[in-house]
């Protein structure tokens, strides 16, 4: 088990998953490994937004303003590094996972169709309780905002 005392979300971050354990509370999945840390996912997301020169609240409000999304808002953590993430449910719920769509290869329903299997480009898989259609919708919303942001930047240059 790889325990970290600090972690910076980076272009290799693929997912942040909550864990119920005394020594750590987040499982970090990267393209080349997995790590545990005793910081909640939302704390890591907020710190990463600050390193990208904004606040989590500011980024969330901007997405809400330009898209009309009000729940499970995708977050442009650091658009300069193309780091975007979306929550699987309300970020204030313990069970909320954060997925980074650039690393997702596919989202398929589980055999009972009540959950989903997320396969990353490195072939690692995770099973989540949210339906595949819900997660695909979150991916589409993130892609929509990413496209909107890049079009706006191109227009301004």
C-alpha atoms as a PDB file:
ATOM      1  CA  UNK A   1       0.000   0.000   0.000  1.00  0.00           C
ATOM      2  CA  UNK A   2       1.376   3.383  -1.061  1.00  0.00           C
ATOM      3  CA  UNK A   3       0.541   6.027   1.573  1.00  0.00           C
ATOM      4  CA  UNK A   4       1.112   9.691   0.792  1.00  0.00           C
ATOM      5  CA  UNK A   5       1.177  12.637   3.175  1.00  0.00           C
ATOM      6  CA  UNK A   6       0.576  15.188   0.397  1.00  0.00           C
ATOM      7  CA  UNK A   7      -0.728  14.979  -3.138  1.00  0.00           C
ATOM      8  CA  UNK A   8      -1.075  17.384  -6.029  1.00  0.00           C
ATOM      9  CA  UNK A   9      -3.691  16.563  -8.641  1.00  0.00           C
ATOM     10  CA  UNK A  10      -1.857  16.389 -11.950  1.00  0.00           C
ATOM     11  CA  UNK A  11      -2.387  15.314 -15.576  1.00  0.00           C
ATOM     12  CA  UNK A  12      -1.925  11.656 -14.510  1.00  0.00           C
ATOM     13  CA  UNK A  13      -4.762  11.723 -11.958  1.00  0.00           C
ATOM     14  CA  UNK A  14      -7.579   9.436 -13.170  1.00  0.00           C
ATOM     15  CA  UNK A  15      -9.892   9.157 -10.140  1.00  0.00           C
ATOM     16  CA  UNK A  16     -10.329  10.040  -6.472  1.00  0.00           C
ATOM     17  CA  UNK A  17     -12.364   7.479  -4.541  1.00  0.00           C
ATOM     18  CA  UNK A  18     -13.577   7.684  -0.934  1.00  0.00           C
ATOM     19  CA  UNK A  19     -12.370   4.997   1.471  1.00  0.00           C
ATOM     20  CA  UNK A  20     -13.592   4.197   4.982  1.00  0.00           C
ATOM     21  CA  UNK A  21     -10.395   3.552   6.916  1.00  0.00           C
ATOM     22  CA  UNK A  22      -8.765   4.886  10.076  1.00  0.00           C
ATOM     23  CA  UNK A  23      -5.469   5.812   8.410  1.00  0.00           C
ATOM     24  CA  UNK A  24      -6.655   7.248   5.078  1.00  0.00           C
ATOM     25  CA  UNK A  25      -9.844   8.454   3.409  1.00  0.00           C
ATOM     26  CA  UNK A  26      -9.066   8.733  -0.314  1.00  0.00           C
ATOM     27  CA  UNK A  27      -7.776   6.283  -2.886  1.00  0.00           C
ATOM     28  CA  UNK A  28      -5.996   8.127  -5.685  1.00  0.00           C
ATOM     29  CA  UNK A  29      -5.844   6.323  -8.999  1.00  0.00           C
ATOM     30  CA  UNK A  30      -3.225   7.560 -11.433  1.00  0.00           C
ATOM     31  CA  UNK A  31      -2.284   6.297 -14.862  1.00  0.00           C
ATOM     32  CA  UNK A  32       0.749   4.533 -13.376  1.00  0.00           C
ATOM     33  CA  UNK A  33      -0.331   3.519  -9.874  1.00  0.00           C
ATOM     34  CA  UNK A  34      -2.609   3.936  -6.890  1.00  0.00           C
ATOM     35  CA  UNK A  35      -2.057   5.779  -3.616  1.00  0.00           C
ATOM     36  CA  UNK A  36      -3.846   6.412  -0.350  1.00  0.00           C
ATOM     37  CA  UNK A  37      -3.994   9.723   1.486  1.00  0.00           C
ATOM     38  CA  UNK A  38      -5.653  10.954   4.647  1.00  0.00           C
ATOM     39  CA  UNK A  39      -7.350  13.915   2.970  1.00  0.00           C
ATOM     40  CA  UNK A  40     -10.879  13.978   1.572  1.00  0.00           C
ATOM     41  CA  UNK A  41     -11.245  14.145  -2.208  1.00  0.00           C
ATOM     42  CA  UNK A  42     -12.968  17.520  -2.084  1.00  0.00           C
ATOM     43  CA  UNK A  43     -10.022  18.979  -0.144  1.00  0.00           C
ATOM     44  CA  UNK A  44      -7.644  17.740  -2.865  1.00  0.00           C
ATOM     45  CA  UNK A  45      -9.904  19.228  -5.561  1.00  0.00           C
ATOM     46  CA  UNK A  46     -10.059  22.601  -3.779  1.00  0.00           C
ATOM     47  CA  UNK A  47      -6.282  22.726  -3.293  1.00  0.00           C
ATOM     48  CA  UNK A  48      -5.733  21.888  -6.964  1.00  0.00           C
ATOM     49  CA  UNK A  49      -8.082  24.674  -8.048  1.00  0.00           C
ATOM     50  CA  UNK A  50      -6.068  27.144  -5.986  1.00  0.00           C
ATOM     51  CA  UNK A  51      -2.862  25.929  -7.634  1.00  0.00           C
ATOM     52  CA  UNK A  52      -4.626  26.631 -10.939  1.00  0.00           C
ATOM     53  CA  UNK A  53      -5.132  30.252  -9.802  1.00  0.00           C
ATOM     54  CA  UNK A  54      -8.791  30.110  -8.795  1.00  0.00           C
ATOM     55  CA  UNK A  55     -11.045  28.768  -6.090  1.00  0.00           C
ATOM     56  CA  UNK A  56     -13.228  25.689  -6.302  1.00  0.00           C
ATOM     57  CA  UNK A  57     -16.247  27.882  -5.606  1.00  0.00           C
ATOM     58  CA  UNK A  58     -15.251  30.318  -8.372  1.00  0.00           C
ATOM     59  CA  UNK A  59     -14.744  27.570 -10.930  1.00  0.00           C
ATOM     60  CA  UNK A  60     -18.022  25.919  -9.928  1.00  0.00           C
ATOM     61  CA  UNK A  61     -19.914  29.199 -10.193  1.00  0.00           C
ATOM     62  CA  UNK A  62     -18.408  29.928 -13.634  1.00  0.00           C
ATOM     63  CA  UNK A  63     -19.498  26.528 -14.940  1.00  0.00           C
ATOM     64  CA  UNK A  64     -22.975  27.059 -13.498  1.00  0.00           C
ATOM     65  CA  UNK A  65     -23.176  30.521 -15.100  1.00  0.00           C
ATOM     66  CA  UNK A  66     -22.155  29.426 -18.594  1.00  0.00           C
ATOM     67  CA  UNK A  67     -23.931  26.064 -18.720  1.00  0.00           C
ATOM     68  CA  UNK A  68     -26.921  26.234 -16.415  1.00  0.00           C
ATOM     69  CA  UNK A  69     -25.746  23.037 -14.675  1.00  0.00           C
ATOM     70  CA  UNK A  70     -26.620  23.213 -10.990  1.00  0.00           C
ATOM     71  CA  UNK A  71     -25.986  19.719  -9.674  1.00  0.00           C
ATOM     72  CA  UNK A  72     -22.909  17.521  -9.976  1.00  0.00           C
ATOM     73  CA  UNK A  73     -21.148  20.395 -11.722  1.00  0.00           C
ATOM     74  CA  UNK A  74     -17.968  19.436 -13.611  1.00  0.00           C
ATOM     75  CA  UNK A  75     -14.939  21.357 -12.399  1.00  0.00           C
ATOM     76  CA  UNK A  76     -12.169  22.768 -14.614  1.00  0.00           C
ATOM     77  CA  UNK A  77      -9.494  22.117 -12.010  1.00  0.00           C
ATOM     78  CA  UNK A  78      -6.674  23.480 -14.112  1.00  0.00           C
ATOM     79  CA  UNK A  79      -7.707  24.239 -17.698  1.00  0.00           C
ATOM     80  CA  UNK A  80      -4.145  25.310 -18.549  1.00  0.00           C
ATOM     81  CA  UNK A  81      -3.060  21.697 -17.975  1.00  0.00           C
ATOM     82  CA  UNK A  82      -6.307  20.252 -19.386  1.00  0.00           C
ATOM     83  CA  UNK A  83      -7.329  18.867 -15.981  1.00  0.00           C
ATOM     84  CA  UNK A  84     -11.093  18.527 -15.623  1.00  0.00           C
ATOM     85  CA  UNK A  85     -13.064  16.347 -13.231  1.00  0.00           C
ATOM     86  CA  UNK A  86     -16.656  15.515 -12.505  1.00  0.00           C
ATOM     87  CA  UNK A  87     -18.307  14.244  -9.326  1.00  0.00           C
ATOM     88  CA  UNK A  88     -20.383  11.076  -9.378  1.00  0.00           C
ATOM     89  CA  UNK A  89     -22.843  12.641  -6.925  1.00  0.00           C
ATOM     90  CA  UNK A  90     -23.019  15.666  -4.651  1.00  0.00           C
ATOM     91  CA  UNK A  91     -19.431  16.562  -3.681  1.00  0.00           C
ATOM     92  CA  UNK A  92     -20.578  16.927  -0.079  1.00  0.00           C
ATOM     93  CA  UNK A  93     -21.635  13.275   0.137  1.00  0.00           C
ATOM     94  CA  UNK A  94     -18.981  10.942   1.540  1.00  0.00           C
ATOM     95  CA  UNK A  95     -19.575   8.454  -1.302  1.00  0.00           C
ATOM     96  CA  UNK A  96     -18.755  11.016  -4.005  1.00  0.00           C
ATOM     97  CA  UNK A  97     -16.029   9.905  -6.408  1.00  0.00           C
ATOM     98  CA  UNK A  98     -14.242  12.286  -8.747  1.00  0.00           C
ATOM     99  CA  UNK A  99     -13.437  11.059 -12.240  1.00  0.00           C
ATOM    100  CA  UNK A 100     -11.052  12.681 -14.703  1.00  0.00           C
ATOM    101  CA  UNK A 101     -12.530  12.059 -18.168  1.00  0.00           C
ATOM    102  CA  UNK A 102      -9.325  12.275 -20.201  1.00  0.00           C
ATOM    103  CA  UNK A 103      -8.356   8.895 -18.718  1.00  0.00           C
ATOM    104  CA  UNK A 104     -11.664   7.087 -19.194  1.00  0.00           C
ATOM    105  CA  UNK A 105     -11.847   4.575 -22.015  1.00  0.00           C
ATOM    106  CA  UNK A 106     -15.356   3.232 -21.411  1.00  0.00           C
ATOM    107  CA  UNK A 107     -18.300   3.174 -19.029  1.00  0.00           C
ATOM    108  CA  UNK A 108     -20.480   0.076 -19.098  1.00  0.00           C
ATOM    109  CA  UNK A 109     -23.350  -1.144 -16.939  1.00  0.00           C
ATOM    110  CA  UNK A 110     -22.694  -3.901 -14.427  1.00  0.00           C
ATOM    111  CA  UNK A 111     -24.396  -7.231 -15.035  1.00  0.00           C
ATOM    112  CA  UNK A 112     -27.347  -6.200 -12.859  1.00  0.00           C
ATOM    113  CA  UNK A 113     -27.450  -2.760 -14.585  1.00  0.00           C
ATOM    114  CA  UNK A 114     -27.623  -0.959 -11.229  1.00  0.00           C
ATOM    115  CA  UNK A 115     -24.031   0.213 -11.247  1.00  0.00           C
ATOM    116  CA  UNK A 116     -21.253   0.760 -13.736  1.00  0.00           C
ATOM    117  CA  UNK A 117     -17.799  -0.427 -14.612  1.00  0.00           C
ATOM    118  CA  UNK A 118     -15.396   2.340 -15.552  1.00  0.00           C
ATOM    119  CA  UNK A 119     -12.412   1.238 -17.606  1.00  0.00           C
ATOM    120  CA  UNK A 120      -9.478   3.600 -17.807  1.00  0.00           C
ATOM    121  CA  UNK A 121      -7.128   3.857 -20.777  1.00  0.00           C
ATOM    122  CA  UNK A 122      -4.492   1.945 -18.775  1.00  0.00           C
ATOM    123  CA  UNK A 123      -7.030  -0.964 -18.577  1.00  0.00           C
ATOM    124  CA  UNK A 124      -7.592  -0.572 -14.825  1.00  0.00           C
ATOM    125  CA  UNK A 125     -11.277  -0.844 -13.873  1.00  0.00           C
ATOM    126  CA  UNK A 126     -13.413   0.345 -10.996  1.00  0.00           C
ATOM    127  CA  UNK A 127     -17.013  -0.477 -10.173  1.00  0.00           C
ATOM    128  CA  UNK A 128     -19.270   2.347  -9.052  1.00  0.00           C
ATOM    129  CA  UNK A 129     -22.833   2.363  -7.745  1.00  0.00           C
ATOM    130  CA  UNK A 130     -23.989   5.045 -10.208  1.00  0.00           C
ATOM    131  CA  UNK A 131     -25.579   3.900 -13.450  1.00  0.00           C
ATOM    132  CA  UNK A 132     -23.582   3.955 -16.654  1.00  0.00           C
ATOM    133  CA  UNK A 133     -26.043   6.438 -18.173  1.00  0.00           C
ATOM    134  CA  UNK A 134     -25.555   8.834 -15.241  1.00  0.00           C
ATOM    135  CA  UNK A 135     -21.764   8.698 -15.580  1.00  0.00           C
ATOM    136  CA  UNK A 136     -21.934   9.082 -19.358  1.00  0.00           C
ATOM    137  CA  UNK A 137     -24.108  12.152 -18.889  1.00  0.00           C
ATOM    138  CA  UNK A 138     -21.493  13.590 -16.528  1.00  0.00           C
ATOM    139  CA  UNK A 139     -18.800  12.892 -19.139  1.00  0.00           C
ATOM    140  CA  UNK A 140     -20.888  14.687 -21.781  1.00  0.00           C
ATOM    141  CA  UNK A 141     -21.436  17.670 -19.515  1.00  0.00           C
ATOM    142  CA  UNK A 142     -17.700  17.907 -18.833  1.00  0.00           C
ATOM    143  CA  UNK A 143     -16.909  17.642 -22.547  1.00  0.00           C
ATOM    144  CA  UNK A 144     -19.520  20.306 -23.328  1.00  0.00           C
ATOM    145  CA  UNK A 145     -17.990  22.757 -20.871  1.00  0.00           C
ATOM    146  CA  UNK A 146     -14.441  21.961 -22.031  1.00  0.00           C
ATOM    147  CA  UNK A 147     -15.461  22.681 -25.625  1.00  0.00           C
ATOM    148  CA  UNK A 148     -17.240  25.879 -24.565  1.00  0.00           C
ATOM    149  CA  UNK A 149     -14.187  27.076 -22.661  1.00  0.00           C
ATOM    150  CA  UNK A 150     -11.807  26.348 -25.531  1.00  0.00           C
ATOM    151  CA  UNK A 151     -14.099  28.051 -28.059  1.00  0.00           C
ATOM    152  CA  UNK A 152     -14.316  31.127 -25.852  1.00  0.00           C
ATOM    153  CA  UNK A 153     -10.532  31.241 -25.518  1.00  0.00           C
ATOM    154  CA  UNK A 154     -10.047  30.839 -29.283  1.00  0.00           C
ATOM    155  CA  UNK A 155     -12.523  33.650 -29.921  1.00  0.00           C
ATOM    156  CA  UNK A 156     -10.694  35.975 -27.509  1.00  0.00           C
ATOM    157  CA  UNK A 157      -7.258  35.376 -29.071  1.00  0.00           C
END
